[in-house]
PDB file of N, CA and C in Angstrom:
ATOM      1  N   UNK A   1       0.836  -1.191   0.000  1.00  0.00           N
ATOM      2  CA  UNK A   1       0.000   0.000   0.000  1.00  0.00           C
ATOM      3  C   UNK A   1       0.881   1.255   0.000  1.00  0.00           C
ATOM      4  N   UNK A   2       1.924   1.202   0.848  1.00  0.00           N
ATOM      5  CA  UNK A   2       2.820   2.347   0.941  1.00  0.00           C
ATOM      6  C   UNK A   2       3.528   2.595  -0.386  1.00  0.00           C
ATOM      7  N   UNK A   3       3.966   1.506  -1.045  1.00  0.00           N
ATOM      8  CA  UNK A   3       4.653   1.662  -2.319  1.00  0.00           C
ATOM      9  C   UNK A   3       3.713   2.212  -3.387  1.00  0.00           C
ATOM     10  N   UNK A   4       2.451   1.782  -3.370  1.00  0.00           N
ATOM     11  CA  UNK A   4       1.491   2.292  -4.336  1.00  0.00           C
ATOM     12  C   UNK A   4       1.255   3.792  -4.100  1.00  0.00           C
ATOM     13  N   UNK A   5       1.178   4.170  -2.842  1.00  0.00           N
ATOM     14  CA  UNK A   5       0.993   5.578  -2.499  1.00  0.00           C
ATOM     15  C   UNK A   5       2.216   6.381  -2.918  1.00  0.00           C
ATOM     16  N   UNK A   6       3.387   5.813  -2.704  1.00  0.00           N
ATOM     17  CA  UNK A   6       4.627   6.491  -3.061  1.00  0.00           C
ATOM     18  C   UNK A   6       4.763   6.652  -4.574  1.00  0.00           C
ATOM     19  N   UNK A   7       4.332   5.656  -5.348  1.00  0.00           N
ATOM     20  CA  UNK A   7       4.395   5.732  -6.812  1.00  0.00           C
ATOM     21  C   UNK A   7       3.463   6.826  -7.333  1.00  0.00           C
ATOM     22  N   UNK A   8       2.311   6.939  -6.731  1.00  0.00           N
ATOM     23  CA  UNK A   8       1.313   7.905  -7.188  1.00  0.00           C
ATOM     24  C   UNK A   8       1.370   9.209  -6.399  1.00  0.00           C
ATOM     25  N   UNK A   9       2.509   9.510  -5.824  1.00  0.00           N
ATOM     26  CA  UNK A   9       2.635  10.703  -4.971  1.00  0.00           C
ATOM     27  C   UNK A   9       2.322  11.990  -5.733  1.00  0.00           C
ATOM     28  N   UNK A  10       2.830  12.118  -6.946  1.00  0.00           N
ATOM     29  CA  UNK A  10       2.573  13.328  -7.727  1.00  0.00           C
ATOM     30  C   UNK A  10       1.087  13.497  -8.008  1.00  0.00           C
ATOM     31  N   UNK A  11       0.466  12.421  -8.417  1.00  0.00           N
ATOM     32  CA  UNK A  11      -0.959  12.482  -8.704  1.00  0.00           C
ATOM     33  C   UNK A  11      -1.746  12.801  -7.431  1.00  0.00           C
ATOM     34  N   UNK A  12      -1.388  12.193  -6.323  1.00  0.00           N
ATOM     35  CA  UNK A  12      -2.075  12.401  -5.052  1.00  0.00           C
ATOM     36  C   UNK A  12      -1.853  13.819  -4.545  1.00  0.00           C
ATOM     37  N   UNK A  13      -0.650  14.333  -4.680  1.00  0.00           N
ATOM     38  CA  UNK A  13      -0.377  15.690  -4.197  1.00  0.00           C
ATOM     39  C   UNK A  13      -1.128  16.720  -5.033  1.00  0.00           C
ATOM     40  N   UNK A  14      -1.217  16.523  -6.339  1.00  0.00           N
ATOM     41  CA  UNK A  14      -1.988  17.445  -7.176  1.00  0.00           C
ATOM     42  C   UNK A  14      -3.473  17.400  -6.824  1.00  0.00           C
ATOM     43  N   UNK A  15      -3.967  16.196  -6.589  1.00  0.00           N
ATOM     44  CA  UNK A  15      -5.366  16.035  -6.204  1.00  0.00           C
ATOM     45  C   UNK A  15      -5.637  16.735  -4.875  1.00  0.00           C
ATOM     46  N   UNK A  16      -4.746  16.567  -3.901  1.00  0.00           N
ATOM     47  CA  UNK A  16      -4.915  17.218  -2.590  1.00  0.00           C
ATOM     48  C   UNK A  16      -4.835  18.730  -2.684  1.00  0.00           C
ATOM     49  N   UNK A  17      -3.881  19.215  -3.465  1.00  0.00           N
ATOM     50  CA  UNK A  17      -3.736  20.661  -3.639  1.00  0.00           C
ATOM     51  C   UNK A  17      -4.961  21.251  -4.337  1.00  0.00           C
ATOM     52  N   UNK A  18      -5.457  20.571  -5.341  1.00  0.00           N
ATOM     53  CA  UNK A  18      -6.660  21.027  -6.040  1.00  0.00           C
ATOM     54  C   UNK A  18      -7.856  21.036  -5.103  1.00  0.00           C
ATOM     55  N   UNK A  19      -7.993  20.026  -4.280  1.00  0.00           N
ATOM     56  CA  UNK A  19      -9.088  19.937  -3.313  1.00  0.00           C
ATOM     57  C   UNK A  19      -9.024  21.075  -2.300  1.00  0.00           C
ATOM     58  N   UNK A  20      -7.839  21.396  -1.832  1.00  0.00           N
ATOM     59  CA  UNK A  20      -7.676  22.492  -0.869  1.00  0.00           C
ATOM     60  C   UNK A  20      -8.030  23.830  -1.522  1.00  0.00           C
ATOM     61  N   UNK A  21      -7.585  24.072  -2.735  1.00  0.00           N
ATOM     62  CA  UNK A  21      -7.867  25.332  -3.433  1.00  0.00           C
ATOM     63  C   UNK A  21      -9.366  25.491  -3.676  1.00  0.00           C
ATOM     64  N   UNK A  22     -10.024  24.431  -4.096  1.00  0.00           N
ATOM     65  CA  UNK A  22     -11.473  24.498  -4.338  1.00  0.00           C
ATOM     66  C   UNK A  22     -12.217  24.766  -3.033  1.00  0.00           C
ATOM     67  N   UNK A  23     -11.826  24.112  -1.957  1.00  0.00           N
ATOM     68  CA  UNK A  23     -12.479  24.302  -0.659  1.00  0.00           C
ATOM     69  C   UNK A  23     -12.318  25.737  -0.169  1.00  0.00           C
ATOM     70  N   UNK A  24     -11.125  26.280  -0.246  1.00  0.00           N
ATOM     71  CA  UNK A  24     -10.875  27.654   0.192  1.00  0.00           C
ATOM     72  C   UNK A  24     -11.662  28.638  -0.672  1.00  0.00           C
ATOM     73  N   UNK A  25     -11.708  28.389  -1.976  1.00  0.00           N
ATOM     74  CA  UNK A  25     -12.460  29.279  -2.865  1.00  0.00           C
ATOM     75  C   UNK A  25     -13.944  29.272  -2.531  1.00  0.00           C
ATOM     76  N   UNK A  26     -14.497  28.105  -2.284  1.00  0.00           N
ATOM     77  CA  UNK A  26     -15.917  28.009  -1.921  1.00  0.00           C
ATOM     78  C   UNK A  26     -16.202  28.715  -0.601  1.00  0.00           C
ATOM     79  N   UNK A  27     -15.344  28.531   0.380  1.00  0.00           N
ATOM     80  CA  UNK A  27     -15.544  29.188   1.674  1.00  0.00           C
ATOM     81  C   UNK A  27     -15.483  30.707   1.540  1.00  0.00           C
ATOM     82  N   UNK A  28     -14.529  31.207   0.780  1.00  0.00           N
ATOM     83  CA  UNK A  28     -14.437  32.649   0.561  1.00  0.00           C
ATOM     84  C   UNK A  28     -15.668  33.193  -0.158  1.00  0.00           C
ATOM     85  N   UNK A  29     -16.163  32.460  -1.133  1.00  0.00           N
ATOM     86  CA  UNK A  29     -17.351  32.904  -1.864  1.00  0.00           C
ATOM     87  C   UNK A  29     -18.565  32.959  -0.951  1.00  0.00           C
ATOM     88  N   UNK A  30     -18.725  31.964  -0.107  1.00  0.00           N
ATOM     89  CA  UNK A  30     -19.866  31.932   0.817  1.00  0.00           C
ATOM     90  C   UNK A  30     -19.771  33.072   1.824  1.00  0.00           C
ATOM     91  N   UNK A  31     -18.606  33.295   2.378  1.00  0.00           N
ATOM     92  CA  UNK A  31     -18.435  34.366   3.363  1.00  0.00           C
ATOM     93  C   UNK A  31     -18.662  35.720   2.720  1.00  0.00           C
ATOM     94  N   UNK A  32     -18.162  35.939   1.540  1.00  0.00           N
ATOM     95  CA  UNK A  32     -18.325  37.215   0.858  1.00  0.00           C
ATOM     96  C   UNK A  32     -19.796  37.478   0.550  1.00  0.00           C
ATOM     97  N   UNK A  33     -20.508  36.479   0.048  1.00  0.00           N
ATOM     98  CA  UNK A  33     -21.922  36.652  -0.300  1.00  0.00           C
ATOM     99  C   UNK A  33     -22.760  36.928   0.940  1.00  0.00           C
ATOM    100  N   UNK A  34     -22.541  36.201   2.021  1.00  0.00           N
ATOM    101  CA  UNK A  34     -23.357  36.410   3.218  1.00  0.00           C
ATOM    102  C   UNK A  34     -23.040  37.770   3.841  1.00  0.00           C
ATOM    103  N   UNK A  35     -21.797  38.223   3.767  1.00  0.00           N
ATOM    104  CA  UNK A  35     -21.445  39.547   4.289  1.00  0.00           C
ATOM    105  C   UNK A  35     -22.128  40.630   3.474  1.00  0.00           C
ATOM    106  N   UNK A  36     -22.215  40.442   2.168  1.00  0.00           N
ATOM    107  CA  UNK A  36     -22.855  41.412   1.285  1.00  0.00           C
ATOM    108  C   UNK A  36     -24.347  41.534   1.620  1.00  0.00           C
ATOM    109  N   UNK A  37     -24.996  40.439   1.942  1.00  0.00           N
ATOM    110  CA  UNK A  37     -26.412  40.468   2.302  1.00  0.00           C
ATOM    111  C   UNK A  37     -26.633  41.235   3.596  1.00  0.00           C
ATOM    112  N   UNK A  38     -25.768  41.029   4.570  1.00  0.00           N
ATOM    113  CA  UNK A  38     -25.909  41.724   5.850  1.00  0.00           C
ATOM    114  C   UNK A  38     -25.764  43.223   5.652  1.00  0.00           C
ATOM    115  N   UNK A  39     -24.813  43.638   4.853  1.00  0.00           N
ATOM    116  CA  UNK A  39     -24.596  45.059   4.597  1.00  0.00           C
ATOM    117  C   UNK A  39     -25.806  45.645   3.879  1.00  0.00           C
ATOM    118  N   UNK A  40     -26.334  44.949   2.889  1.00  0.00           N
ATOM    119  CA  UNK A  40     -27.497  45.446   2.156  1.00  0.00           C
ATOM    120  C   UNK A  40     -28.705  45.576   3.066  1.00  0.00           C
ATOM    121  N   UNK A  41     -28.937  44.597   3.949  1.00  0.00           N
ATOM    122  CA  UNK A  41     -30.078  44.651   4.860  1.00  0.00           C
ATOM    123  C   UNK A  41     -29.935  45.806   5.831  1.00  0.00           C
ATOM    124  N   UNK A  42     -28.735  46.022   6.364  1.00  0.00           N
ATOM    125  CA  UNK A  42     -28.550  47.112   7.316  1.00  0.00           C
ATOM    126  C   UNK A  42     -28.699  48.464   6.623  1.00  0.00           C
ATOM    127  N   UNK A  43     -28.255  48.585   5.378  1.00  0.00           N
ATOM    128  CA  UNK A  43     -28.414  49.837   4.649  1.00  0.00           C
ATOM    129  C   UNK A  43     -29.880  50.119   4.351  1.00  0.00           C
ATOM    130  N   UNK A  44     -30.633  49.095   3.983  1.00  0.00           N
ATOM    131  CA  UNK A  44     -32.046  49.305   3.678  1.00  0.00           C
ATOM    132  C   UNK A  44     -32.811  49.673   4.944  1.00  0.00           C
ATOM    133  N   UNK A  45     -32.451  49.082   6.078  1.00  0.00           N
ATOM    134  CA  UNK A  45     -33.106  49.436   7.333  1.00  0.00           C
ATOM    135  C   UNK A  45     -32.766  50.863   7.727  1.00  0.00           C
ATOM    136  N   UNK A  46     -31.530  51.249   7.546  1.00  0.00           N
ATOM    137  CA  UNK A  46     -31.093  52.593   7.911  1.00  0.00           C
ATOM    138  C   UNK A  46     -31.827  53.643   7.083  1.00  0.00           C
ATOM    139  N   UNK A  47     -31.960  53.408   5.799  1.00  0.00           N
ATOM    140  CA  UNK A  47     -32.620  54.395   4.951  1.00  0.00           C
ATOM    141  C   UNK A  47     -34.110  54.473   5.232  1.00  0.00           C
ATOM    142  N   UNK A  48     -34.757  53.357   5.582  1.00  0.00           N
ATOM    143  CA  UNK A  48     -36.188  53.396   5.857  1.00  0.00           C
ATOM    144  C   UNK A  48     -36.482  54.092   7.176  1.00  0.00           C
ATOM    145  N   UNK A  49     -35.562  54.035   8.123  1.00  0.00           N
ATOM    146  CA  UNK A  49     -35.797  54.697   9.401  1.00  0.00           C
ATOM    147  C   UNK A  49     -35.472  56.188   9.347  1.00  0.00           C
ATOM    148  N   UNK A  50     -34.783  56.628   8.293  1.00  0.00           N
ATOM    149  CA  UNK A  50     -34.413  58.031   8.181  1.00  0.00           C
ATOM    150  C   UNK A  50     -35.377  58.841   7.308  1.00  0.00           C
ATOM    151  N   UNK A  51     -36.443  58.228   6.840  1.00  0.00           N
ATOM    152  CA  UNK A  51     -37.416  58.941   6.020  1.00  0.00           C
ATOM    153  C   UNK A  51     -38.164  59.936   6.910  1.00  0.00           C
ATOM    154  N   UNK A  52     -38.264  61.210   6.502  1.00  0.00           N
ATOM    155  CA  UNK A  52     -38.887  62.233   7.362  1.00  0.00           C
ATOM    156  C   UNK A  52     -40.343  61.929   7.718  1.00  0.00           C
ATOM    157  N   UNK A  53     -41.097  61.352   6.804  1.00  0.00           N
ATOM    158  CA  UNK A  53     -42.493  61.035   7.095  1.00  0.00           C
ATOM    159  C   UNK A  53     -42.606  60.007   8.215  1.00  0.00           C
ATOM    160  N   UNK A  54     -41.718  59.028   8.183  1.00  0.00           N
ATOM    161  CA  UNK A  54     -41.744  58.005   9.227  1.00  0.00           C
ATOM    162  C   UNK A  54     -41.335  58.599  10.568  1.00  0.00           C
ATOM    163  N   UNK A  55     -40.342  59.483  10.576  1.00  0.00           N
ATOM    164  CA  UNK A  55     -39.936  60.141  11.819  1.00  0.00           C
ATOM    165  C   UNK A  55     -41.083  60.955  12.401  1.00  0.00           C
ATOM    166  N   UNK A  56     -41.787  61.685  11.565  1.00  0.00           N
ATOM    167  CA  UNK A  56     -42.908  62.502  12.021  1.00  0.00           C
ATOM    168  C   UNK A  56     -44.014  61.622  12.580  1.00  0.00           C
ATOM    169  N   UNK A  57     -44.299  60.528  11.906  1.00  0.00           N
ATOM    170  CA  UNK A  57     -45.339  59.617  12.368  1.00  0.00           C
ATOM    171  C   UNK A  57     -44.965  58.985  13.711  1.00  0.00           C
ATOM    172  N   UNK A  58     -43.689  58.595  13.867  1.00  0.00           N
ATOM    173  CA  UNK A  58     -43.237  58.033  15.141  1.00  0.00           C
ATOM    174  C   UNK A  58     -43.367  59.043  16.266  1.00  0.00           C
ATOM    175  N   UNK A  59     -42.978  60.271  16.023  1.00  0.00           N
ATOM    176  CA  UNK A  59     -43.110  61.310  17.052  1.00  0.00           C
ATOM    177  C   UNK A  59     -44.565  61.520  17.417  1.00  0.00           C
ATOM    178  N   UNK A  60     -45.450  61.515  16.439  1.00  0.00           N
ATOM    179  CA  UNK A  60     -46.880  61.664  16.708  1.00  0.00           C
ATOM    180  C   UNK A  60     -47.386  60.532  17.601  1.00  0.00           C
ATOM    181  N   UNK A  61     -47.010  59.297  17.273  1.00  0.00           N
ATOM    182  CA  UNK A  61     -47.461  58.158  18.072  1.00  0.00           C
ATOM    183  C   UNK A  61     -46.927  58.225  19.500  1.00  0.00           C
ATOM    184  N   UNK A  62     -45.651  58.551  19.649  1.00  0.00           N
ATOM    185  CA  UNK A  62     -45.070  58.623  20.988  1.00  0.00           C
ATOM    186  C   UNK A  62     -45.692  59.751  21.814  1.00  0.00           C
ATOM    187  N   UNK A  63     -46.078  60.830  21.190  1.00  0.00           N
ATOM    188  CA  UNK A  63     -46.725  61.926  21.911  1.00  0.00           C
ATOM    189  C   UNK A  63     -48.144  61.561  22.351  1.00  0.00           C
ATOM    190  N   UNK A  64     -48.774  60.603  21.662  1.00  0.00           N
ATOM    191  CA  UNK A  64     -50.127  60.197  22.013  1.00  0.00           C
ATOM    192  C   UNK A  64     -50.155  59.251  23.207  1.00  0.00           C
ATOM    193  N   UNK A  65     -49.048  58.622  23.493  1.00  0.00           N
ATOM    194  CA  UNK A  65     -48.998  57.666  24.594  1.00  0.00           C
ATOM    195  C   UNK A  65     -48.894  58.420  25.914  1.00  0.00           C
ATOM    196  N   UNK A  66     -49.839  58.169  26.800  1.00  0.00           N
ATOM    197  CA  UNK A  66     -49.840  58.781  28.130  1.00  0.00           C
ATOM    198  C   UNK A  66     -49.403  57.711  29.136  1.00  0.00           C
ATOM    199  N   UNK A  67     -48.340  57.952  29.807  1.00  0.00           N
ATOM    200  CA  UNK A  67     -47.824  56.993  30.777  1.00  0.00           C
ATOM    201  C   UNK A  67     -48.573  57.131  32.104  1.00  0.00           C
ATOM    202  N   UNK A  68     -49.045  56.021  32.672  1.00  0.00           N
ATOM    203  CA  UNK A  68     -49.737  56.074  33.957  1.00  0.00           C
ATOM    204  C   UNK A  68     -48.759  56.174  35.133  1.00  0.00           C
ATOM    205  N   UNK A  69     -47.502  56.141  34.860  1.00  0.00           N
ATOM    206  CA  UNK A  69     -46.491  56.151  35.911  1.00  0.00           C
ATOM    207  C   UNK A  69     -45.857  57.530  36.021  1.00  0.00           C
ATOM    208  N   UNK A  70     -45.428  57.849  37.216  1.00  0.00           N
ATOM    209  CA  UNK A  70     -44.705  59.101  37.417  1.00  0.00           C
ATOM    210  C   UNK A  70     -43.429  58.802  38.189  1.00  0.00           C
ATOM    211  N   UNK A  71     -42.417  59.568  37.929  1.00  0.00           N
ATOM    212  CA  UNK A  71     -41.137  59.380  38.611  1.00  0.00           C
ATOM    213  C   UNK A  71     -41.111  60.229  39.873  1.00  0.00           C
ATOM    214  N   UNK A  72     -40.717  59.625  40.970  1.00  0.00           N
ATOM    215  CA  UNK A  72     -40.611  60.319  42.247  1.00  0.00           C
ATOM    216  C   UNK A  72     -39.198  60.098  42.764  1.00  0.00           C
ATOM    217  N   UNK A  73     -38.543  61.167  43.109  1.00  0.00           N
ATOM    218  CA  UNK A  73     -37.216  61.059  43.717  1.00  0.00           C
ATOM    219  C   UNK A  73     -37.391  60.986  45.226  1.00  0.00           C
ATOM    220  N   UNK A  74     -36.862  59.958  45.821  1.00  0.00           N
ATOM    221  CA  UNK A  74     -37.013  59.755  47.253  1.00  0.00           C
ATOM    222  C   UNK A  74     -35.682  59.272  47.814  1.00  0.00           C
ATOM    223  N   UNK A  75     -35.261  59.889  48.882  1.00  0.00           N
ATOM    224  CA  UNK A  75     -34.022  59.481  49.529  1.00  0.00           C
ATOM    225  C   UNK A  75     -34.369  58.502  50.640  1.00  0.00           C
ATOM    226  N   UNK A  76     -33.811  57.339  50.570  1.00  0.00           N
ATOM    227  CA  UNK A  76     -34.119  56.297  51.542  1.00  0.00           C
ATOM    228  C   UNK A  76     -33.438  56.626  52.859  1.00  0.00           C
ATOM    229  N   UNK A  77     -34.243  56.538  53.927  1.00  0.00           N
ATOM    230  CA  UNK A  77     -33.737  56.812  55.274  1.00  0.00           C
ATOM    231  C   UNK A  77     -33.686  55.533  56.072  1.00  0.00           C
ATOM    232  N   UNK A  78     -32.997  55.556  57.151  1.00  0.00           N
ATOM    233  CA  UNK A  78     -32.864  54.379  58.003  1.00  0.00           C
ATOM    234  C   UNK A  78     -34.241  53.996  58.552  1.00  0.00           C
ATOM    235  N   UNK A  79     -34.584  52.737  58.461  1.00  0.00           N
ATOM    236  CA  UNK A  79     -35.846  52.247  58.980  1.00  0.00           C
ATOM    237  C   UNK A  79     -36.969  52.248  57.943  1.00  0.00           C
ATOM    238  N   UNK A  80     -36.703  52.752  56.734  1.00  0.00           N
ATOM    239  CA  UNK A  80     -37.734  52.746  55.695  1.00  0.00           C
ATOM    240  C   UNK A  80     -37.941  51.335  55.163  1.00  0.00           C
ATOM    241  N   UNK A  81     -39.184  51.036  54.875  1.00  0.00           N
ATOM    242  CA  UNK A  81     -39.503  49.785  54.199  1.00  0.00           C
ATOM    243  C   UNK A  81     -40.253  50.137  52.928  1.00  0.00           C
ATOM    244  N   UNK A  82     -40.360  49.189  52.053  1.00  0.00           N
ATOM    245  CA  UNK A  82     -41.079  49.428  50.800  1.00  0.00           C
ATOM    246  C   UNK A  82     -42.535  49.756  51.089  1.00  0.00           C
ATOM    247  N   UNK A  83     -43.111  49.072  52.057  1.00  0.00           N
ATOM    248  CA  UNK A  83     -44.514  49.306  52.398  1.00  0.00           C
ATOM    249  C   UNK A  83     -44.743  50.737  52.893  1.00  0.00           C
ATOM    250  N   UNK A  84     -43.838  51.241  53.760  1.00  0.00           N
ATOM    251  CA  UNK A  84     -43.979  52.601  54.271  1.00  0.00           C
ATOM    252  C   UNK A  84     -43.847  53.627  53.156  1.00  0.00           C
ATOM    253  N   UNK A  85     -42.914  53.422  52.252  1.00  0.00           N
ATOM    254  CA  UNK A  85     -42.706  54.350  51.145  1.00  0.00           C
ATOM    255  C   UNK A  85     -43.937  54.341  50.230  1.00  0.00           C
ATOM    256  N   UNK A  86     -44.495  53.166  49.946  1.00  0.00           N
ATOM    257  CA  UNK A  86     -45.678  53.085  49.084  1.00  0.00           C
ATOM    258  C   UNK A  86     -46.880  53.753  49.730  1.00  0.00           C
ATOM    259  N   UNK A  87     -47.064  53.597  51.034  1.00  0.00           N
ATOM    260  CA  UNK A  87     -48.173  54.244  51.711  1.00  0.00           C
ATOM    261  C   UNK A  87     -48.025  55.757  51.681  1.00  0.00           C
ATOM    262  N   UNK A  88     -46.803  56.228  51.790  1.00  0.00           N
ATOM    263  CA  UNK A  88     -46.551  57.663  51.803  1.00  0.00           C
ATOM    264  C   UNK A  88     -46.837  58.302  50.446  1.00  0.00           C
ATOM    265  N   UNK A  89     -46.559  57.589  49.362  1.00  0.00           N
ATOM    266  CA  UNK A  89     -46.746  58.164  48.034  1.00  0.00           C
ATOM    267  C   UNK A  89     -47.882  57.479  47.304  1.00  0.00           C
TER     268      UNK A  89
END
């Protein structure tokens, strides 16, 4: 077996080298194509979010939302519990 492999070394080495080149080329092509898709998707999203009509509509919607919550600044003192703070406010 070893002698047969040794006799066909040139043929085997060319086959291996060709296989490696084809594999690397395919991997590079796949990576390049998938990267191109990601860039195109991010560019299309960026341009759609920068349209003035959409910005105006978003601002209108956000202004219509009334929050039922209010922010209260309270400094916690020694002996305070959550229940006492809630009863106070």
